[in-house]
Amino acid sequence: MIKNSLASISDVAIYPIISLTIFVSFFVLLGYMVFRADKKYIKHMEEMPLTDEVYQKD
């Protein structure tokens, strides 16, 4: 039933390509953001659960 429904849609082959492009783009962007992140901030967030420091907004 689903196969017949998809077969009736014209140019249905473009949807998997678009989905893959969005998926890959998201993870490439995420990887870029991780490698460009401030190392001090990451270290601070890493150690937060182990300290008694309480975040106070100035």
C-alpha atoms as a PDB file:
ATOM      1  CA  MET A   1       0.000   0.000   0.000  1.00  0.00           C
ATOM      2  CA  ILE A   2       2.714   2.507   0.959  1.00  0.00           C
ATOM      3  CA  LYS A   3       4.820   1.475  -2.030  1.00  0.00           C
ATOM      4  CA  ASN A   4       1.908   2.165  -4.369  1.00  0.00           C
ATOM      5  CA  SER A   5       1.220   5.513  -2.710  1.00  0.00           C
ATOM      6  CA  LEU A   6       4.818   6.652  -3.070  1.00  0.00           C
ATOM      7  CA  ALA A   7       5.004   5.410  -6.649  1.00  0.00           C
ATOM      8  CA  SER A   8       2.109   7.665  -7.598  1.00  0.00           C
ATOM      9  CA  ILE A   9       3.938  10.819  -6.423  1.00  0.00           C
ATOM     10  CA  SER A  10       5.873  12.488  -9.204  1.00  0.00           C
ATOM     11  CA  ASP A  11       9.587  13.087  -8.538  1.00  0.00           C
ATOM     12  CA  VAL A  12       9.483  11.124  -5.272  1.00  0.00           C
ATOM     13  CA  ALA A  13      13.201  10.285  -5.577  1.00  0.00           C
ATOM     14  CA  ILE A  14      14.167  13.827  -4.563  1.00  0.00           C
ATOM     15  CA  TYR A  15      12.882  13.423  -0.966  1.00  0.00           C
ATOM     16  CA  PRO A  16      15.580  10.989   0.235  1.00  0.00           C
ATOM     17  CA  ILE A  17      18.251  13.221  -1.293  1.00  0.00           C
ATOM     18  CA  ILE A  18      16.876  16.288   0.483  1.00  0.00           C
ATOM     19  CA  SER A  19      16.620  14.368   3.767  1.00  0.00           C
ATOM     20  CA  LEU A  20      20.203  13.131   3.522  1.00  0.00           C
ATOM     21  CA  THR A  21      21.450  16.622   2.682  1.00  0.00           C
ATOM     22  CA  ILE A  22      19.701  18.126   5.715  1.00  0.00           C
ATOM     23  CA  PHE A  23      20.971  15.321   7.977  1.00  0.00           C
ATOM     24  CA  VAL A  24      24.590  15.632   6.844  1.00  0.00           C
ATOM     25  CA  SER A  25      24.489  19.448   6.940  1.00  0.00           C
ATOM     26  CA  PHE A  26      23.214  19.405  10.520  1.00  0.00           C
ATOM     27  CA  PHE A  27      26.014  17.156  11.756  1.00  0.00           C
ATOM     28  CA  VAL A  28      28.717  19.015   9.829  1.00  0.00           C
ATOM     29  CA  LEU A  29      27.487  22.288  11.370  1.00  0.00           C
ATOM     30  CA  LEU A  30      27.332  20.690  14.816  1.00  0.00           C
ATOM     31  CA  GLY A  31      30.895  19.371  14.450  1.00  0.00           C
ATOM     32  CA  TYR A  32      32.093  22.807  13.338  1.00  0.00           C
ATOM     33  CA  MET A  33      30.454  24.437  16.365  1.00  0.00           C
ATOM     34  CA  VAL A  34      32.004  21.916  18.753  1.00  0.00           C
ATOM     35  CA  PHE A  35      35.517  22.429  17.421  1.00  0.00           C
ATOM     36  CA  ARG A  36      35.137  26.222  17.431  1.00  0.00           C
ATOM     37  CA  ALA A  37      33.728  26.403  20.973  1.00  0.00           C
ATOM     38  CA  ASP A  38      35.632  28.283  23.663  1.00  0.00           C
ATOM     39  CA  LYS A  39      37.818  25.767  25.488  1.00  0.00           C
ATOM     40  CA  LYS A  40      37.616  27.661  28.806  1.00  0.00           C
ATOM     41  CA  TYR A  41      33.815  27.529  28.732  1.00  0.00           C
ATOM     42  CA  ILE A  42      33.834  23.793  27.972  1.00  0.00           C
ATOM     43  CA  LYS A  43      36.302  23.150  30.810  1.00  0.00           C
ATOM     44  CA  HIS A  44      34.174  25.216  33.202  1.00  0.00           C
ATOM     45  CA  MET A  45      30.999  23.309  32.272  1.00  0.00           C
ATOM     46  CA  GLU A  46      32.891  20.026  32.579  1.00  0.00           C
ATOM     47  CA  GLU A  47      33.913  20.738  36.152  1.00  0.00           C
ATOM     48  CA  MET A  48      30.633  22.257  37.326  1.00  0.00           C
ATOM     49  CA  PRO A  49      29.040  19.061  38.713  1.00  0.00           C
ATOM     50  CA  LEU A  50      32.160  18.380  40.775  1.00  0.00           C
ATOM     51  CA  THR A  51      32.303  21.768  42.507  1.00  0.00           C
ATOM     52  CA  ASP A  52      30.025  23.565  44.956  1.00  0.00           C
ATOM     53  CA  GLU A  53      30.028  26.663  42.784  1.00  0.00           C
ATOM     54  CA  VAL A  54      26.575  28.120  42.262  1.00  0.00           C
ATOM     55  CA  TYR A  55      25.865  30.154  39.157  1.00  0.00           C
ATOM     56  CA  GLN A  56      24.728  33.636  40.040  1.00  0.00           C
ATOM     57  CA  LYS A  57      23.538  36.066  37.447  1.00  0.00           C
ATOM     58  CA  ASP A  58      25.213  39.471  37.841  1.00  0.00           C
END
